[in-house]
N, C-alpha and C. Protein backbone atom coordinates (compact mmCIF):
# COMPACT_ATOMS: atom_id res chain seq x y z
N MET A 1 70.26 81.10 96.03
CA MET A 1 68.88 81.02 95.60
C MET A 1 67.99 81.74 96.61
N ASN A 2 67.03 82.46 96.09
CA ASN A 2 66.06 83.05 97.01
C ASN A 2 64.95 82.03 97.29
N ALA A 3 64.09 82.37 98.23
CA ALA A 3 63.05 81.43 98.67
C ALA A 3 62.13 81.01 97.53
N ILE A 4 61.76 81.95 96.67
CA ILE A 4 60.86 81.60 95.57
C ILE A 4 61.51 80.58 94.64
N GLU A 5 62.77 80.79 94.33
CA GLU A 5 63.49 79.84 93.46
C GLU A 5 63.59 78.47 94.11
N VAL A 6 63.82 78.44 95.41
CA VAL A 6 63.90 77.17 96.14
C VAL A 6 62.57 76.44 96.07
N TYR A 7 61.49 77.14 96.38
CA TYR A 7 60.17 76.49 96.40
C TYR A 7 59.73 76.06 95.01
N VAL A 8 60.01 76.88 94.00
CA VAL A 8 59.65 76.51 92.62
C VAL A 8 60.46 75.31 92.17
N SER A 9 61.76 75.29 92.45
CA SER A 9 62.58 74.14 92.03
C SER A 9 62.15 72.87 92.76
N LEU A 10 61.80 72.97 94.03
CA LEU A 10 61.32 71.82 94.78
C LEU A 10 59.97 71.35 94.23
N PHE A 11 59.09 72.28 93.92
CA PHE A 11 57.78 71.95 93.34
C PHE A 11 57.97 71.22 92.01
N ILE A 12 58.81 71.76 91.13
CA ILE A 12 59.01 71.15 89.81
C ILE A 12 59.63 69.77 89.94
N SER A 13 60.64 69.65 90.79
CA SER A 13 61.27 68.35 91.01
C SER A 13 60.26 67.33 91.55
N SER A 14 59.43 67.76 92.48
CA SER A 14 58.42 66.86 93.06
C SER A 14 57.36 66.49 92.04
N PHE A 15 56.97 67.45 91.22
CA PHE A 15 55.99 67.17 90.17
C PHE A 15 56.56 66.12 89.21
N LEU A 16 57.78 66.35 88.74
CA LEU A 16 58.40 65.41 87.82
C LEU A 16 58.61 64.03 88.45
N SER A 17 58.95 64.02 89.74
CA SER A 17 59.18 62.76 90.44
C SER A 17 57.93 61.90 90.51
N SER A 18 56.76 62.52 90.50
CA SER A 18 55.53 61.74 90.60
C SER A 18 55.03 61.28 89.24
N THR A 19 55.70 61.73 88.19
CA THR A 19 55.41 61.20 86.86
C THR A 19 56.49 60.17 86.56
N ILE A 20 56.54 59.69 85.36
CA ILE A 20 57.56 58.72 84.99
C ILE A 20 58.92 59.39 84.79
N LEU A 21 58.94 60.69 84.67
CA LEU A 21 60.19 61.42 84.49
C LEU A 21 60.99 61.47 85.78
N PRO A 22 62.32 61.54 85.70
CA PRO A 22 63.12 61.60 86.93
C PRO A 22 63.05 62.99 87.55
N GLY A 23 63.01 63.05 88.87
CA GLY A 23 62.95 64.34 89.53
C GLY A 23 63.79 64.41 90.79
N HIS A 24 63.97 63.31 91.49
CA HIS A 24 64.80 63.23 92.69
C HIS A 24 64.39 64.23 93.76
N SER A 25 63.12 64.33 94.02
CA SER A 25 62.63 65.33 94.97
C SER A 25 63.11 65.09 96.40
N GLU A 26 63.31 63.84 96.77
CA GLU A 26 63.76 63.54 98.13
C GLU A 26 65.15 64.12 98.38
N ILE A 27 66.02 64.00 97.39
CA ILE A 27 67.38 64.54 97.51
C ILE A 27 67.35 66.06 97.60
N ILE A 28 66.53 66.68 96.77
CA ILE A 28 66.43 68.14 96.77
C ILE A 28 65.83 68.64 98.08
N LEU A 29 64.79 67.97 98.55
CA LEU A 29 64.20 68.35 99.84
C LEU A 29 65.24 68.25 100.95
N THR A 30 65.96 67.16 100.99
CA THR A 30 66.97 66.96 102.02
C THR A 30 68.07 68.02 101.95
N ALA A 31 68.48 68.35 100.75
CA ALA A 31 69.52 69.38 100.58
C ALA A 31 69.04 70.73 101.12
N PHE A 32 67.80 71.09 100.84
CA PHE A 32 67.27 72.37 101.33
C PHE A 32 67.09 72.34 102.85
N ILE A 33 66.76 71.19 103.39
CA ILE A 33 66.66 71.07 104.86
C ILE A 33 68.04 71.27 105.48
N PHE A 34 69.05 70.66 104.90
CA PHE A 34 70.41 70.79 105.43
C PHE A 34 70.91 72.23 105.39
N LEU A 35 70.43 73.02 104.45
CA LEU A 35 70.84 74.43 104.39
C LEU A 35 70.35 75.24 105.59
N LYS A 36 69.26 74.80 106.18
CA LYS A 36 68.65 75.45 107.35
C LYS A 36 68.31 76.92 107.09
N LYS A 37 67.91 77.22 105.88
CA LYS A 37 67.54 78.59 105.53
C LYS A 37 66.03 78.75 105.34
N TYR A 38 65.33 77.64 105.17
CA TYR A 38 63.92 77.70 104.79
C TYR A 38 63.10 76.88 105.79
N PRO A 39 61.91 77.35 106.14
CA PRO A 39 61.07 76.59 107.08
C PRO A 39 60.74 75.20 106.50
N ILE A 40 60.94 74.19 107.31
CA ILE A 40 60.71 72.82 106.86
C ILE A 40 59.26 72.62 106.45
N ILE A 41 58.33 73.22 107.16
CA ILE A 41 56.91 73.07 106.81
C ILE A 41 56.64 73.60 105.41
N ASP A 42 57.32 74.69 105.02
CA ASP A 42 57.15 75.24 103.68
C ASP A 42 57.74 74.29 102.63
N LEU A 43 58.89 73.72 102.94
CA LEU A 43 59.52 72.78 102.02
C LEU A 43 58.63 71.55 101.82
N ILE A 44 58.09 71.02 102.91
CA ILE A 44 57.18 69.87 102.82
C ILE A 44 55.95 70.24 102.00
N PHE A 45 55.40 71.42 102.23
CA PHE A 45 54.21 71.87 101.52
C PHE A 45 54.44 71.88 100.01
N PHE A 46 55.51 72.55 99.56
CA PHE A 46 55.74 72.67 98.12
C PHE A 46 56.12 71.32 97.49
N ALA A 47 56.87 70.50 98.22
CA ALA A 47 57.19 69.17 97.70
C ALA A 47 55.91 68.34 97.57
N SER A 48 55.07 68.41 98.58
CA SER A 48 53.82 67.62 98.56
C SER A 48 52.88 68.08 97.46
N ILE A 49 52.69 69.38 97.34
CA ILE A 49 51.78 69.90 96.31
C ILE A 49 52.25 69.49 94.92
N GLY A 50 53.54 69.64 94.64
CA GLY A 50 54.07 69.24 93.34
C GLY A 50 53.86 67.75 93.08
N ASN A 51 54.13 66.93 94.09
CA ASN A 51 54.01 65.49 93.94
C ASN A 51 52.55 65.07 93.77
N ILE A 52 51.66 65.68 94.51
CA ILE A 52 50.24 65.36 94.41
C ILE A 52 49.70 65.76 93.03
N LEU A 53 50.06 66.95 92.56
CA LEU A 53 49.59 67.39 91.24
C LEU A 53 50.14 66.51 90.12
N GLY A 54 51.37 66.05 90.26
CA GLY A 54 51.92 65.11 89.28
C GLY A 54 51.15 63.79 89.27
N SER A 55 50.74 63.34 90.44
CA SER A 55 49.94 62.12 90.53
C SER A 55 48.55 62.31 89.93
N ILE A 56 48.00 63.49 90.11
CA ILE A 56 46.70 63.78 89.49
C ILE A 56 46.84 63.76 87.98
N LEU A 57 47.94 64.29 87.46
CA LEU A 57 48.21 64.19 86.02
C LEU A 57 48.25 62.73 85.60
N ASN A 58 48.92 61.88 86.38
CA ASN A 58 48.96 60.45 86.07
C ASN A 58 47.56 59.85 86.04
N TRP A 59 46.72 60.23 87.01
CA TRP A 59 45.34 59.73 87.05
C TRP A 59 44.62 60.08 85.75
N TYR A 60 44.78 61.33 85.31
CA TYR A 60 44.15 61.76 84.05
C TYR A 60 44.72 61.03 82.85
N ILE A 61 46.01 60.76 82.87
CA ILE A 61 46.61 59.97 81.79
C ILE A 61 45.93 58.60 81.74
N GLY A 62 45.79 57.97 82.89
CA GLY A 62 45.12 56.67 82.93
C GLY A 62 43.66 56.76 82.52
N TYR A 63 43.00 57.80 82.96
CA TYR A 63 41.57 57.96 82.68
C TYR A 63 41.29 58.18 81.20
N PHE A 64 42.09 59.04 80.56
CA PHE A 64 41.79 59.43 79.19
C PHE A 64 42.61 58.73 78.12
N LEU A 65 43.75 58.19 78.47
CA LEU A 65 44.64 57.68 77.44
C LEU A 65 44.82 56.16 77.44
N THR A 66 43.95 55.44 78.09
CA THR A 66 44.14 53.99 78.17
C THR A 66 44.09 53.32 76.80
N ASN A 67 43.38 53.89 75.89
CA ASN A 67 43.33 53.28 74.56
C ASN A 67 44.64 53.48 73.80
N LEU A 68 45.55 54.27 74.35
CA LEU A 68 46.85 54.50 73.72
C LEU A 68 47.98 53.76 74.43
N LYS A 69 47.66 52.85 75.34
CA LYS A 69 48.69 52.20 76.16
C LYS A 69 49.67 51.34 75.37
N ASP A 70 49.34 50.96 74.16
CA ASP A 70 50.24 50.13 73.36
C ASP A 70 51.20 50.97 72.50
N ARG A 71 51.09 52.28 72.59
CA ARG A 71 51.98 53.16 71.82
C ARG A 71 53.36 53.20 72.48
N LYS A 72 54.38 53.40 71.68
CA LYS A 72 55.76 53.44 72.21
C LYS A 72 55.97 54.58 73.20
N TRP A 73 55.32 55.70 73.00
CA TRP A 73 55.54 56.87 73.85
C TRP A 73 54.76 56.83 75.15
N PHE A 74 53.86 55.83 75.32
CA PHE A 74 53.07 55.75 76.55
C PHE A 74 54.02 55.67 77.75
N PRO A 75 53.77 56.45 78.81
CA PRO A 75 54.77 56.62 79.87
C PRO A 75 55.06 55.40 80.75
N ILE A 76 54.34 54.33 80.61
CA ILE A 76 54.59 53.13 81.42
C ILE A 76 54.74 51.94 80.48
N ASP A 77 55.78 51.14 80.73
CA ASP A 77 55.93 49.96 79.88
C ASP A 77 54.94 48.88 80.31
N LYS A 78 54.78 47.89 79.45
CA LYS A 78 53.76 46.86 79.64
C LYS A 78 53.93 46.08 80.94
N SER A 79 55.17 45.76 81.32
CA SER A 79 55.39 44.98 82.54
C SER A 79 55.01 45.78 83.79
N GLN A 80 55.33 47.07 83.82
CA GLN A 80 54.92 47.91 84.95
C GLN A 80 53.41 48.00 85.04
N LEU A 81 52.78 48.17 83.89
CA LEU A 81 51.32 48.27 83.85
C LEU A 81 50.67 46.98 84.33
N THR A 82 51.20 45.85 83.91
CA THR A 82 50.66 44.56 84.33
C THR A 82 50.83 44.35 85.83
N ARG A 83 52.01 44.65 86.35
CA ARG A 83 52.29 44.48 87.78
C ARG A 83 51.39 45.38 88.61
N ALA A 84 51.29 46.64 88.22
CA ALA A 84 50.45 47.58 88.97
C ALA A 84 48.98 47.19 88.87
N SER A 85 48.55 46.71 87.71
CA SER A 85 47.15 46.29 87.54
C SER A 85 46.82 45.12 88.46
N SER A 86 47.73 44.16 88.56
CA SER A 86 47.45 43.00 89.41
C SER A 86 47.36 43.42 90.88
N TRP A 87 48.24 44.32 91.31
CA TRP A 87 48.15 44.84 92.67
C TRP A 87 46.83 45.56 92.87
N PHE A 88 46.47 46.37 91.89
CA PHE A 88 45.25 47.16 92.02
C PHE A 88 44.02 46.28 92.03
N LEU A 89 43.99 45.27 91.19
CA LEU A 89 42.84 44.37 91.17
C LEU A 89 42.71 43.59 92.48
N ARG A 90 43.84 43.28 93.08
CA ARG A 90 43.81 42.52 94.33
C ARG A 90 43.40 43.38 95.52
N TYR A 91 43.95 44.58 95.63
CA TYR A 91 43.76 45.39 96.83
C TYR A 91 42.94 46.67 96.63
N GLY A 92 42.61 46.98 95.39
CA GLY A 92 41.75 48.14 95.12
C GLY A 92 42.40 49.48 95.41
N LYS A 93 41.55 50.44 95.73
CA LYS A 93 42.02 51.81 95.93
C LYS A 93 43.02 51.95 97.06
N TRP A 94 43.07 50.98 97.97
CA TRP A 94 43.98 51.05 99.10
C TRP A 94 45.44 50.92 98.66
N THR A 95 45.66 50.41 97.46
CA THR A 95 47.03 50.36 96.95
C THR A 95 47.61 51.76 96.76
N LEU A 96 46.74 52.75 96.68
CA LEU A 96 47.21 54.12 96.49
C LEU A 96 48.01 54.63 97.70
N PHE A 97 47.89 53.96 98.84
CA PHE A 97 48.75 54.31 99.97
C PHE A 97 50.21 53.99 99.65
N LEU A 98 50.44 53.20 98.60
CA LEU A 98 51.79 52.90 98.15
C LEU A 98 52.23 53.79 96.99
N SER A 99 51.48 54.83 96.72
CA SER A 99 51.80 55.71 95.59
C SER A 99 53.13 56.41 95.74
N TRP A 100 53.68 56.46 96.92
CA TRP A 100 54.98 57.08 97.17
C TRP A 100 56.15 56.15 96.86
N VAL A 101 55.88 54.86 96.73
CA VAL A 101 56.95 53.86 96.56
C VAL A 101 57.56 53.95 95.16
N PRO A 102 58.89 54.00 95.08
CA PRO A 102 59.53 54.03 93.76
C PRO A 102 59.14 52.80 92.92
N ILE A 103 59.12 52.96 91.65
CA ILE A 103 58.84 51.96 90.61
C ILE A 103 57.37 51.61 90.53
N ILE A 104 56.71 51.24 91.62
CA ILE A 104 55.29 50.85 91.52
C ILE A 104 54.33 52.00 91.77
N GLY A 105 54.76 53.05 92.47
CA GLY A 105 53.85 54.12 92.86
C GLY A 105 53.26 54.89 91.69
N ASP A 106 54.12 55.28 90.75
CA ASP A 106 53.63 56.06 89.61
C ASP A 106 52.68 55.24 88.73
N PRO A 107 53.02 53.99 88.40
CA PRO A 107 52.05 53.20 87.64
C PRO A 107 50.72 53.00 88.38
N LEU A 108 50.77 52.89 89.71
CA LEU A 108 49.52 52.73 90.46
C LEU A 108 48.61 53.94 90.29
N THR A 109 49.18 55.13 90.20
CA THR A 109 48.33 56.31 90.03
C THR A 109 47.71 56.36 88.64
N ILE A 110 48.41 55.82 87.65
CA ILE A 110 47.83 55.72 86.31
C ILE A 110 46.75 54.64 86.28
N ILE A 111 47.03 53.52 86.93
CA ILE A 111 46.05 52.43 87.02
C ILE A 111 44.77 52.91 87.69
N ALA A 112 44.91 53.78 88.71
CA ALA A 112 43.72 54.31 89.38
C ALA A 112 42.84 55.08 88.40
N GLY A 113 43.46 55.79 87.47
CA GLY A 113 42.68 56.47 86.43
C GLY A 113 42.04 55.48 85.48
N ILE A 114 42.80 54.45 85.11
CA ILE A 114 42.26 53.42 84.21
C ILE A 114 41.03 52.77 84.82
N PHE A 115 41.11 52.44 86.12
CA PHE A 115 39.99 51.78 86.79
C PHE A 115 38.97 52.75 87.37
N ARG A 116 39.12 54.03 87.02
CA ARG A 116 38.13 55.06 87.35
C ARG A 116 37.88 55.23 88.84
N VAL A 117 38.95 55.19 89.64
CA VAL A 117 38.80 55.52 91.06
C VAL A 117 38.30 56.95 91.13
N PRO A 118 37.28 57.24 91.91
CA PRO A 118 36.78 58.61 92.00
C PRO A 118 37.91 59.57 92.36
N ILE A 119 37.96 60.70 91.67
CA ILE A 119 39.08 61.63 91.82
C ILE A 119 39.20 62.14 93.26
N HIS A 120 38.09 62.37 93.94
CA HIS A 120 38.20 62.87 95.32
C HIS A 120 38.80 61.82 96.25
N THR A 121 38.45 60.56 96.06
CA THR A 121 39.04 59.47 96.84
C THR A 121 40.52 59.36 96.52
N PHE A 122 40.85 59.43 95.24
CA PHE A 122 42.23 59.37 94.79
C PHE A 122 43.06 60.48 95.44
N ILE A 123 42.56 61.70 95.39
CA ILE A 123 43.30 62.84 95.93
C ILE A 123 43.51 62.70 97.44
N LEU A 124 42.50 62.26 98.15
CA LEU A 124 42.64 62.10 99.61
C LEU A 124 43.72 61.08 99.96
N ILE A 125 43.66 59.91 99.35
CA ILE A 125 44.61 58.85 99.69
C ILE A 125 46.03 59.22 99.25
N VAL A 126 46.16 59.69 98.01
CA VAL A 126 47.49 60.04 97.49
C VAL A 126 48.08 61.22 98.25
N SER A 127 47.27 62.20 98.60
CA SER A 127 47.77 63.36 99.35
C SER A 127 48.34 62.92 100.69
N PHE A 128 47.62 62.05 101.37
CA PHE A 128 48.10 61.55 102.66
C PHE A 128 49.43 60.80 102.48
N ALA A 129 49.46 59.87 101.54
CA ALA A 129 50.65 59.03 101.34
C ALA A 129 51.88 59.86 100.94
N LYS A 130 51.69 60.75 100.00
CA LYS A 130 52.82 61.53 99.50
C LYS A 130 53.31 62.54 100.55
N THR A 131 52.39 63.17 101.26
CA THR A 131 52.79 64.12 102.29
C THR A 131 53.52 63.42 103.43
N MET A 132 53.02 62.26 103.83
CA MET A 132 53.68 61.53 104.92
C MET A 132 55.10 61.10 104.53
N ARG A 133 55.32 60.80 103.26
CA ARG A 133 56.67 60.47 102.82
C ARG A 133 57.60 61.65 103.05
N TYR A 134 57.17 62.85 102.66
CA TYR A 134 58.01 64.03 102.84
C TYR A 134 58.18 64.39 104.32
N VAL A 135 57.16 64.18 105.12
CA VAL A 135 57.29 64.39 106.56
C VAL A 135 58.34 63.44 107.12
N PHE A 136 58.28 62.18 106.72
CA PHE A 136 59.24 61.17 107.19
C PHE A 136 60.66 61.55 106.77
N ILE A 137 60.84 61.92 105.51
CA ILE A 137 62.16 62.33 105.01
C ILE A 137 62.67 63.52 105.82
N SER A 138 61.80 64.46 106.09
CA SER A 138 62.19 65.65 106.87
C SER A 138 62.59 65.29 108.29
N LEU A 139 61.86 64.38 108.89
CA LEU A 139 62.21 63.95 110.24
C LEU A 139 63.57 63.25 110.26
N VAL A 140 63.80 62.40 109.29
CA VAL A 140 65.09 61.71 109.20
C VAL A 140 66.22 62.72 108.96
N ALA A 141 65.99 63.65 108.05
CA ALA A 141 67.02 64.65 107.73
C ALA A 141 67.36 65.53 108.93
N THR A 142 66.38 65.90 109.71
CA THR A 142 66.66 66.77 110.85
C THR A 142 67.30 66.01 112.01
N ASN A 143 67.08 64.72 112.10
CA ASN A 143 67.70 63.93 113.16
C ASN A 143 69.14 63.55 112.84
N ILE A 144 69.50 63.58 111.57
CA ILE A 144 70.85 63.25 111.16
C ILE A 144 71.81 64.36 111.59
N LEU A 145 71.34 65.58 111.59
CA LEU A 145 72.23 66.72 111.89
C LEU A 145 72.77 66.68 113.28
């Protein structure tokens, strides 16, 4: 794979990982780090951008599609929505620092749209959380070698 293909595949995987769809961006990032062919900062950048943009999509889903939450195709089931809502109601926008956590993170980003968290606040918190996850994964991956 050339560098463009690597960065695009990492971006797409990260984007999908931040939605309800499976993407496994952490595994792909780690694999590219182990190859030692690409600058780690570039890998973190493309993984982070994809993941952040996927979360922004989730925010818009929450913002515009809440009246469709009872439809079968809605990307979050009722129990996830209820759990994320209770967390969000208890702790507010600060729960977005957990947006990187599997299972609860993606619903939290949709809940943020439902509860109309200002988009600039959302982007700042989610960008920090998601980027720090990839930095942490990169640090762990490079120390394993």
